[in-house]
């Protein structure tokens, strides 16, 4: 298990010292908390995601990309938000012959990880709630596990709608709060215990991945997200869910 450890990011004790309920309940503090967390977990993030999802993450992303590419305009300019290591944006760029792909993330350490494999993909630090891009400047916007980590999902969707051209494609993959309460509690208990164990193995601090269960509990159900997506000016063209509503995938078109 020692090979799984990833200790070359920020000191995980910084995150452990933060009161999670206080930080997730405050707009400004949540942004700071999330930036610190991703600076810590950036090294080894892709390995963790594959292991923690039992390899399902690859299949989810592949299906989402297939559905998005099927609906994409020719040679779209792509904006990949909360880009992490850039895997989603790079795959989309290859599949669509995109002339330009921009990856934005809140975490400088995550962007440093992305730069190792970026190729022609441009990278910059930016807050999803205040996107540093002009109006109507992209034909495709992607987000993987990002909107849940913002302090305001509705504002994030409004910013995405501002950045994408009418007729453009938005694709999103995230964890959601299952609508069925007994299943929700069972899933969140699993996520808390499994995430805490993974946090200890990778970083010797359980909360680094124990955070996932906290963030899901405070997030939306898939139905609530779809209402917010429609309110932001999108028409949903494809949707799928996994894990009893714990995972949602959406492809939507900007009206």
C-alpha atoms as a PDB file:
ATOM      1  CA  UNK A   1       0.000   0.000   0.000  1.00  0.00           C
ATOM      2  CA  UNK A   2       2.981   2.298   0.470  1.00  0.00           C
ATOM      3  CA  UNK A   3       3.140   2.805  -3.299  1.00  0.00           C
ATOM      4  CA  UNK A   4      -0.232   4.529  -3.160  1.00  0.00           C
ATOM      5  CA  UNK A   5       0.927   7.277  -0.835  1.00  0.00           C
ATOM      6  CA  UNK A   6       1.033  10.774  -2.326  1.00  0.00           C
ATOM      7  CA  UNK A   7       2.799  13.144   0.037  1.00  0.00           C
ATOM      8  CA  UNK A   8       4.367  15.715  -2.269  1.00  0.00           C
ATOM      9  CA  UNK A   9       1.431  18.135  -2.282  1.00  0.00           C
ATOM     10  CA  UNK A  10       0.640  20.600   0.517  1.00  0.00           C
ATOM     11  CA  UNK A  11       0.784  19.426   4.106  1.00  0.00           C
ATOM     12  CA  UNK A  12      -2.523  17.608   4.838  1.00  0.00           C
ATOM     13  CA  UNK A  13      -2.404  18.860   8.415  1.00  0.00           C
ATOM     14  CA  UNK A  14      -3.472  22.250   7.043  1.00  0.00           C
ATOM     15  CA  UNK A  15      -6.802  20.736   6.027  1.00  0.00           C
ATOM     16  CA  UNK A  16      -7.190  18.757   9.234  1.00  0.00           C
ATOM     17  CA  UNK A  17      -6.838  22.004  11.203  1.00  0.00           C
ATOM     18  CA  UNK A  18      -9.883  23.518   9.446  1.00  0.00           C
ATOM     19  CA  UNK A  19     -13.366  22.985  10.890  1.00  0.00           C
ATOM     20  CA  UNK A  20     -15.118  21.235   7.996  1.00  0.00           C
ATOM     21  CA  UNK A  21     -18.680  22.205   8.952  1.00  0.00           C
ATOM     22  CA  UNK A  22     -17.704  25.836   9.442  1.00  0.00           C
ATOM     23  CA  UNK A  23     -15.830  25.988   6.135  1.00  0.00           C
ATOM     24  CA  UNK A  24     -18.436  24.195   4.049  1.00  0.00           C
ATOM     25  CA  UNK A  25     -21.172  26.398   5.492  1.00  0.00           C
ATOM     26  CA  UNK A  26     -19.487  29.660   4.489  1.00  0.00           C
ATOM     27  CA  UNK A  27     -19.114  30.768   0.863  1.00  0.00           C
ATOM     28  CA  UNK A  28     -15.656  32.325   1.163  1.00  0.00           C
ATOM     29  CA  UNK A  29     -14.323  29.695   3.539  1.00  0.00           C
ATOM     30  CA  UNK A  30     -15.474  26.814   1.328  1.00  0.00           C
ATOM     31  CA  UNK A  31     -13.464  28.175  -1.597  1.00  0.00           C
ATOM     32  CA  UNK A  32     -10.367  28.304   0.620  1.00  0.00           C
ATOM     33  CA  UNK A  33     -11.037  24.820   1.968  1.00  0.00           C
ATOM     34  CA  UNK A  34     -11.485  23.283  -1.478  1.00  0.00           C
ATOM     35  CA  UNK A  35      -8.372  24.982  -2.888  1.00  0.00           C
ATOM     36  CA  UNK A  36      -6.306  23.705   0.051  1.00  0.00           C
ATOM     37  CA  UNK A  37      -7.735  20.200  -0.300  1.00  0.00           C
ATOM     38  CA  UNK A  38      -6.948  19.889  -3.999  1.00  0.00           C
ATOM     39  CA  UNK A  39      -3.454  21.288  -3.479  1.00  0.00           C
ATOM     40  CA  UNK A  40      -2.963  18.390  -1.068  1.00  0.00           C
ATOM     41  CA  UNK A  41      -4.473  15.590  -3.106  1.00  0.00           C
ATOM     42  CA  UNK A  42      -3.242  16.606  -6.582  1.00  0.00           C
ATOM     43  CA  UNK A  43      -0.300  14.163  -6.599  1.00  0.00           C
ATOM     44  CA  UNK A  44      -1.777  10.716  -7.100  1.00  0.00           C
ATOM     45  CA  UNK A  45      -5.279  12.075  -7.796  1.00  0.00           C
ATOM     46  CA  UNK A  46      -5.880  10.010 -10.940  1.00  0.00           C
ATOM     47  CA  UNK A  47      -4.763   6.818  -9.219  1.00  0.00           C
ATOM     48  CA  UNK A  48      -7.049   7.517  -6.270  1.00  0.00           C
ATOM     49  CA  UNK A  49     -10.052   8.202  -8.510  1.00  0.00           C
ATOM     50  CA  UNK A  50      -9.621   4.915 -10.354  1.00  0.00           C
ATOM     51  CA  UNK A  51      -9.089   2.899  -7.172  1.00  0.00           C
ATOM     52  CA  UNK A  52     -11.861   4.547  -5.150  1.00  0.00           C
ATOM     53  CA  UNK A  53     -14.409   4.046  -7.955  1.00  0.00           C
ATOM     54  CA  UNK A  54     -13.256   0.448  -8.564  1.00  0.00           C
ATOM     55  CA  UNK A  55     -12.367   1.525 -12.094  1.00  0.00           C
ATOM     56  CA  UNK A  56     -15.868   2.794 -12.854  1.00  0.00           C
ATOM     57  CA  UNK A  57     -14.726   6.409 -13.289  1.00  0.00           C
ATOM     58  CA  UNK A  58     -13.149   5.569 -16.651  1.00  0.00           C
ATOM     59  CA  UNK A  59     -16.373   4.041 -17.914  1.00  0.00           C
ATOM     60  CA  UNK A  60     -18.464   6.984 -16.705  1.00  0.00           C
ATOM     61  CA  UNK A  61     -16.198   9.466 -18.447  1.00  0.00           C
ATOM     62  CA  UNK A  62     -16.020   7.408 -21.627  1.00  0.00           C
ATOM     63  CA  UNK A  63     -19.815   7.215 -21.877  1.00  0.00           C
ATOM     64  CA  UNK A  64     -20.204  10.930 -21.120  1.00  0.00           C
ATOM     65  CA  UNK A  65     -17.614  11.883 -23.730  1.00  0.00           C
ATOM     66  CA  UNK A  66     -19.214   9.610 -26.338  1.00  0.00           C
ATOM     67  CA  UNK A  67     -22.591  11.285 -25.843  1.00  0.00           C
ATOM     68  CA  UNK A  68     -21.104  14.787 -25.862  1.00  0.00           C
ATOM     69  CA  UNK A  69     -18.978  14.240 -28.976  1.00  0.00           C
ATOM     70  CA  UNK A  70     -22.005  12.871 -30.799  1.00  0.00           C
ATOM     71  CA  UNK A  71     -23.702  16.256 -30.296  1.00  0.00           C
ATOM     72  CA  UNK A  72     -20.681  18.537 -30.576  1.00  0.00           C
ATOM     73  CA  UNK A  73     -20.326  21.207 -33.256  1.00  0.00           C
ATOM     74  CA  UNK A  74     -17.422  20.841 -35.662  1.00  0.00           C
ATOM     75  CA  UNK A  75     -13.997  21.731 -34.191  1.00  0.00           C
ATOM     76  CA  UNK A  76     -15.338  23.317 -30.990  1.00  0.00           C
ATOM     77  CA  UNK A  77     -13.339  25.523 -28.692  1.00  0.00           C
ATOM     78  CA  UNK A  78     -13.360  23.707 -25.365  1.00  0.00           C
ATOM     79  CA  UNK A  79     -13.376  25.014 -21.801  1.00  0.00           C
ATOM     80  CA  UNK A  80     -12.624  22.356 -19.176  1.00  0.00           C
ATOM     81  CA  UNK A  81     -13.563  23.624 -15.700  1.00  0.00           C
ATOM     82  CA  UNK A  82     -12.216  22.212 -12.447  1.00  0.00           C
ATOM     83  CA  UNK A  83      -9.921  20.537 -14.949  1.00  0.00           C
ATOM     84  CA  UNK A  84      -7.812  18.691 -12.367  1.00  0.00           C
ATOM     85  CA  UNK A  85      -5.126  16.763 -14.199  1.00  0.00           C
ATOM     86  CA  UNK A  86      -6.800  17.587 -17.519  1.00  0.00           C
ATOM     87  CA  UNK A  87      -7.880  14.081 -18.539  1.00  0.00           C
ATOM     88  CA  UNK A  88     -11.421  15.057 -19.537  1.00  0.00           C
ATOM     89  CA  UNK A  89     -10.383  18.120 -21.547  1.00  0.00           C
ATOM     90  CA  UNK A  90      -7.576  16.309 -23.352  1.00  0.00           C
ATOM     91  CA  UNK A  91      -9.825  13.438 -24.412  1.00  0.00           C
ATOM     92  CA  UNK A  92     -12.499  15.821 -25.661  1.00  0.00           C
ATOM     93  CA  UNK A  93      -9.908  17.796 -27.613  1.00  0.00           C
ATOM     94  CA  UNK A  94      -8.610  14.652 -29.310  1.00  0.00           C
ATOM     95  CA  UNK A  95     -12.079  13.375 -30.143  1.00  0.00           C
ATOM     96  CA  UNK A  96     -13.332  16.668 -31.608  1.00  0.00           C
ATOM     97  CA  UNK A  97     -10.169  18.112 -33.247  1.00  0.00           C
ATOM     98  CA  UNK A  98     -10.621  21.198 -31.092  1.00  0.00           C
ATOM     99  CA  UNK A  99      -8.510  24.169 -32.256  1.00  0.00           C
ATOM    100  CA  UNK A 100      -8.178  25.408 -28.665  1.00  0.00           C
ATOM    101  CA  UNK A 101      -8.723  23.854 -25.241  1.00  0.00           C
ATOM    102  CA  UNK A 102      -8.478  25.841 -22.018  1.00  0.00           C
ATOM    103  CA  UNK A 103      -8.327  24.117 -18.643  1.00  0.00           C
ATOM    104  CA  UNK A 104      -9.162  26.157 -15.543  1.00  0.00           C
ATOM    105  CA  UNK A 105      -8.776  25.065 -11.931  1.00  0.00           C
ATOM    106  CA  UNK A 106      -8.695  26.682  -8.511  1.00  0.00           C
ATOM    107  CA  UNK A 107      -5.662  24.669  -7.369  1.00  0.00           C
ATOM    108  CA  UNK A 108      -2.155  25.697  -8.511  1.00  0.00           C
ATOM    109  CA  UNK A 109      -0.760  22.290  -7.541  1.00  0.00           C
ATOM    110  CA  UNK A 110      -3.422  20.514  -9.598  1.00  0.00           C
ATOM    111  CA  UNK A 111      -2.558  22.739 -12.562  1.00  0.00           C
ATOM    112  CA  UNK A 112       1.080  21.808 -12.111  1.00  0.00           C
ATOM    113  CA  UNK A 113       0.083  18.135 -12.340  1.00  0.00           C
ATOM    114  CA  UNK A 114      -2.000  18.875 -15.451  1.00  0.00           C
ATOM    115  CA  UNK A 115       0.920  20.681 -17.112  1.00  0.00           C
ATOM    116  CA  UNK A 116       2.910  17.446 -17.250  1.00  0.00           C
ATOM    117  CA  UNK A 117       0.543  16.033 -19.863  1.00  0.00           C
ATOM    118  CA  UNK A 118      -1.159  19.164 -21.183  1.00  0.00           C
ATOM    119  CA  UNK A 119       0.200  19.112 -24.730  1.00  0.00           C
ATOM    120  CA  UNK A 120      -1.548  21.938 -26.572  1.00  0.00           C
ATOM    121  CA  UNK A 121      -4.062  22.410 -23.752  1.00  0.00           C
ATOM    122  CA  UNK A 122      -3.756  25.837 -22.142  1.00  0.00           C
ATOM    123  CA  UNK A 123      -4.022  26.084 -18.355  1.00  0.00           C
ATOM    124  CA  UNK A 124      -4.845  28.862 -15.898  1.00  0.00           C
ATOM    125  CA  UNK A 125      -5.993  29.351 -12.304  1.00  0.00           C
ATOM    126  CA  UNK A 126      -9.566  30.619 -12.088  1.00  0.00           C
ATOM    127  CA  UNK A 127     -12.621  30.486  -9.827  1.00  0.00           C
ATOM    128  CA  UNK A 128     -15.624  28.807 -11.480  1.00  0.00           C
ATOM    129  CA  UNK A 129     -17.945  31.398  -9.917  1.00  0.00           C
ATOM    130  CA  UNK A 130     -16.055  34.232 -11.640  1.00  0.00           C
ATOM    131  CA  UNK A 131     -14.823  32.803 -14.912  1.00  0.00           C
ATOM    132  CA  UNK A 132     -11.949  34.705 -16.486  1.00  0.00           C
ATOM    133  CA  UNK A 133     -13.292  34.278 -20.040  1.00  0.00           C
ATOM    134  CA  UNK A 134     -15.422  36.465 -22.345  1.00  0.00           C
ATOM    135  CA  UNK A 135     -19.114  35.887 -22.968  1.00  0.00           C
ATOM    136  CA  UNK A 136     -20.059  33.292 -25.619  1.00  0.00           C
ATOM    137  CA  UNK A 137     -16.449  32.275 -26.180  1.00  0.00           C
ATOM    138  CA  UNK A 138     -16.660  28.445 -26.224  1.00  0.00           C
ATOM    139  CA  UNK A 139     -18.693  25.841 -28.088  1.00  0.00           C
ATOM    140  CA  UNK A 140     -18.145  23.130 -25.475  1.00  0.00           C
ATOM    141  CA  UNK A 141     -17.729  23.256 -21.680  1.00  0.00           C
ATOM    142  CA  UNK A 142     -16.921  20.240 -19.514  1.00  0.00           C
ATOM    143  CA  UNK A 143     -16.863  19.744 -15.755  1.00  0.00           C
ATOM    144  CA  UNK A 144     -15.855  16.600 -13.900  1.00  0.00           C
ATOM    145  CA  UNK A 145     -16.651  16.475 -10.177  1.00  0.00           C
ATOM    146  CA  UNK A 146     -16.442  20.253  -9.927  1.00  0.00           C
ATOM    147  CA  UNK A 147     -19.790  21.980  -9.412  1.00  0.00           C
ATOM    148  CA  UNK A 148     -20.379  20.148  -6.120  1.00  0.00           C
ATOM    149  CA  UNK A 149     -17.215  21.748  -4.784  1.00  0.00           C
ATOM    150  CA  UNK A 150     -18.324  25.320  -5.446  1.00  0.00           C
ATOM    151  CA  UNK A 151     -20.132  27.370  -2.781  1.00  0.00           C
ATOM    152  CA  UNK A 152     -22.984  28.108  -5.225  1.00  0.00           C
ATOM    153  CA  UNK A 153     -24.017  25.577  -7.877  1.00  0.00           C
ATOM    154  CA  UNK A 154     -26.576  27.910  -9.453  1.00  0.00           C
ATOM    155  CA  UNK A 155     -24.000  30.693  -9.868  1.00  0.00           C
ATOM    156  CA  UNK A 156     -21.550  28.216 -11.388  1.00  0.00           C
ATOM    157  CA  UNK A 157     -24.161  27.183 -13.952  1.00  0.00           C
ATOM    158  CA  UNK A 158     -24.894  30.841 -14.755  1.00  0.00           C
ATOM    159  CA  UNK A 159     -21.206  31.455 -15.390  1.00  0.00           C
ATOM    160  CA  UNK A 160     -21.004  28.374 -17.600  1.00  0.00           C
ATOM    161  CA  UNK A 161     -24.046  29.601 -19.536  1.00  0.00           C
ATOM    162  CA  UNK A 162     -22.351  32.974 -19.965  1.00  0.00           C
ATOM    163  CA  UNK A 163     -19.160  31.418 -21.309  1.00  0.00           C
ATOM    164  CA  UNK A 164     -20.770  29.024 -23.774  1.00  0.00           C
ATOM    165  CA  UNK A 165     -22.257  30.035 -27.123  1.00  0.00           C
ATOM    166  CA  UNK A 166     -25.951  29.432 -27.802  1.00  0.00           C
ATOM    167  CA  UNK A 167     -26.193  25.959 -29.291  1.00  0.00           C
ATOM    168  CA  UNK A 168     -22.999  24.888 -27.518  1.00  0.00           C
ATOM    169  CA  UNK A 169     -22.662  21.682 -25.507  1.00  0.00           C
ATOM    170  CA  UNK A 170     -22.181  21.344 -21.752  1.00  0.00           C
ATOM    171  CA  UNK A 171     -21.201  18.003 -20.219  1.00  0.00           C
ATOM    172  CA  UNK A 172     -21.049  17.303 -16.504  1.00  0.00           C
ATOM    173  CA  UNK A 173     -20.165  14.368 -14.250  1.00  0.00           C
ATOM    174  CA  UNK A 174     -20.554  14.549 -10.486  1.00  0.00           C
ATOM    175  CA  UNK A 175     -21.614  12.926  -7.248  1.00  0.00           C
ATOM    176  CA  UNK A 176     -25.164  13.760  -6.116  1.00  0.00           C
ATOM    177  CA  UNK A 177     -27.270  13.292  -3.011  1.00  0.00           C
ATOM    178  CA  UNK A 178     -29.490  10.232  -3.630  1.00  0.00           C
ATOM    179  CA  UNK A 179     -33.183  11.076  -3.358  1.00  0.00           C
ATOM    180  CA  UNK A 180     -33.986   7.825  -1.541  1.00  0.00           C
ATOM    181  CA  UNK A 181     -33.159   8.553   2.113  1.00  0.00           C
ATOM    182  CA  UNK A 182     -32.252   5.037   3.318  1.00  0.00           C
ATOM    183  CA  UNK A 183     -29.992   4.484   0.309  1.00  0.00           C
ATOM    184  CA  UNK A 184     -28.550   7.984   0.759  1.00  0.00           C
ATOM    185  CA  UNK A 185     -27.523   7.250   4.342  1.00  0.00           C
ATOM    186  CA  UNK A 186     -26.055   3.876   3.400  1.00  0.00           C
ATOM    187  CA  UNK A 187     -24.052   5.347   0.520  1.00  0.00           C
ATOM    188  CA  UNK A 188     -22.817   8.315   2.548  1.00  0.00           C
ATOM    189  CA  UNK A 189     -21.748   6.088   5.408  1.00  0.00           C
ATOM    190  CA  UNK A 190     -19.765   4.000   2.963  1.00  0.00           C
ATOM    191  CA  UNK A 191     -18.262   7.120   1.349  1.00  0.00           C
ATOM    192  CA  UNK A 192     -17.289   8.506   4.756  1.00  0.00           C
ATOM    193  CA  UNK A 193     -15.595   5.341   6.020  1.00  0.00           C
ATOM    194  CA  UNK A 194     -13.987   4.389   2.709  1.00  0.00           C
ATOM    195  CA  UNK A 195     -12.905   7.982   2.070  1.00  0.00           C
ATOM    196  CA  UNK A 196     -11.443   8.332   5.555  1.00  0.00           C
ATOM    197  CA  UNK A 197      -9.486   5.114   5.116  1.00  0.00           C
ATOM    198  CA  UNK A 198      -8.202   6.277   1.729  1.00  0.00           C
ATOM    199  CA  UNK A 199      -7.246   9.644   3.206  1.00  0.00           C
ATOM    200  CA  UNK A 200      -5.185   7.935   5.864  1.00  0.00           C
ATOM    201  CA  UNK A 201      -3.502   5.587   3.363  1.00  0.00           C
ATOM    202  CA  UNK A 202      -2.639   8.320   0.858  1.00  0.00           C
ATOM    203  CA  UNK A 203      -2.011  11.285   3.138  1.00  0.00           C
ATOM    204  CA  UNK A 204      -2.152  10.122   6.779  1.00  0.00           C
ATOM    205  CA  UNK A 205      -5.159  12.451   7.257  1.00  0.00           C
ATOM    206  CA  UNK A 206      -8.623  10.840   6.941  1.00  0.00           C
ATOM    207  CA  UNK A 207     -10.496  14.078   6.162  1.00  0.00           C
ATOM    208  CA  UNK A 208      -8.664  14.597   2.856  1.00  0.00           C
ATOM    209  CA  UNK A 209     -11.050  12.103   1.224  1.00  0.00           C
ATOM    210  CA  UNK A 210     -13.570  11.861   4.030  1.00  0.00           C
ATOM    211  CA  UNK A 211     -14.637  15.267   2.690  1.00  0.00           C
ATOM    212  CA  UNK A 212     -16.461  13.595  -0.198  1.00  0.00           C
ATOM    213  CA  UNK A 213     -19.343  12.370   1.974  1.00  0.00           C
ATOM    214  CA  UNK A 214     -19.695  15.809   3.619  1.00  0.00           C
ATOM    215  CA  UNK A 215     -19.843  17.537   0.235  1.00  0.00           C
ATOM    216  CA  UNK A 216     -22.449  15.138  -1.164  1.00  0.00           C
ATOM    217  CA  UNK A 217     -24.709  15.595   1.869  1.00  0.00           C
ATOM    218  CA  UNK A 218     -24.689  19.360   1.292  1.00  0.00           C
ATOM    219  CA  UNK A 219     -25.188  19.099  -2.471  1.00  0.00           C
ATOM    220  CA  UNK A 220     -28.223  18.560  -4.705  1.00  0.00           C
ATOM    221  CA  UNK A 221     -30.158  15.535  -5.846  1.00  0.00           C
ATOM    222  CA  UNK A 222     -30.003  14.834  -9.576  1.00  0.00           C
ATOM    223  CA  UNK A 223     -33.533  16.201  -9.997  1.00  0.00           C
ATOM    224  CA  UNK A 224     -32.588  19.420  -8.180  1.00  0.00           C
ATOM    225  CA  UNK A 225     -29.488  19.797 -10.336  1.00  0.00           C
ATOM    226  CA  UNK A 226     -31.541  19.323 -13.489  1.00  0.00           C
ATOM    227  CA  UNK A 227     -33.947  22.045 -12.376  1.00  0.00           C
ATOM    228  CA  UNK A 228     -31.002  24.388 -11.802  1.00  0.00           C
ATOM    229  CA  UNK A 229     -29.522  23.439 -15.177  1.00  0.00           C
ATOM    230  CA  UNK A 230     -32.787  24.243 -16.953  1.00  0.00           C
ATOM    231  CA  UNK A 231     -33.127  27.531 -15.047  1.00  0.00           C
ATOM    232  CA  UNK A 232     -29.631  28.521 -16.199  1.00  0.00           C
ATOM    233  CA  UNK A 233     -30.682  28.254 -19.858  1.00  0.00           C
ATOM    234  CA  UNK A 234     -29.849  24.685 -20.861  1.00  0.00           C
ATOM    235  CA  UNK A 235     -31.900  21.928 -22.466  1.00  0.00           C
ATOM    236  CA  UNK A 236     -30.896  18.461 -21.272  1.00  0.00           C
ATOM    237  CA  UNK A 237     -30.257  16.150 -24.234  1.00  0.00           C
ATOM    238  CA  UNK A 238     -28.871  13.109 -22.450  1.00  0.00           C
ATOM    239  CA  UNK A 239     -28.722  11.969 -18.841  1.00  0.00           C
ATOM    240  CA  UNK A 240     -27.657   8.853 -16.954  1.00  0.00           C
ATOM    241  CA  UNK A 241     -27.277   7.951 -13.307  1.00  0.00           C
ATOM    242  CA  UNK A 242     -25.364   5.307 -11.394  1.00  0.00           C
ATOM    243  CA  UNK A 243     -25.136   4.168  -7.774  1.00  0.00           C
ATOM    244  CA  UNK A 244     -28.812   4.760  -7.119  1.00  0.00           C
ATOM    245  CA  UNK A 245     -28.604   8.461  -7.919  1.00  0.00           C
ATOM    246  CA  UNK A 246     -25.192   8.941  -6.308  1.00  0.00           C
ATOM    247  CA  UNK A 247     -23.541   9.597  -9.685  1.00  0.00           C
ATOM    248  CA  UNK A 248     -25.071  11.675 -12.454  1.00  0.00           C
ATOM    249  CA  UNK A 249     -23.958  12.369 -16.028  1.00  0.00           C
ATOM    250  CA  UNK A 250     -25.512  15.076 -18.193  1.00  0.00           C
ATOM    251  CA  UNK A 251     -25.116  16.477 -21.678  1.00  0.00           C
ATOM    252  CA  UNK A 252     -27.040  19.699 -22.248  1.00  0.00           C
ATOM    253  CA  UNK A 253     -27.308  22.303 -24.997  1.00  0.00           C
ATOM    254  CA  UNK A 254     -27.185  26.052 -24.378  1.00  0.00           C
ATOM    255  CA  UNK A 255     -30.425  27.632 -25.563  1.00  0.00           C
END
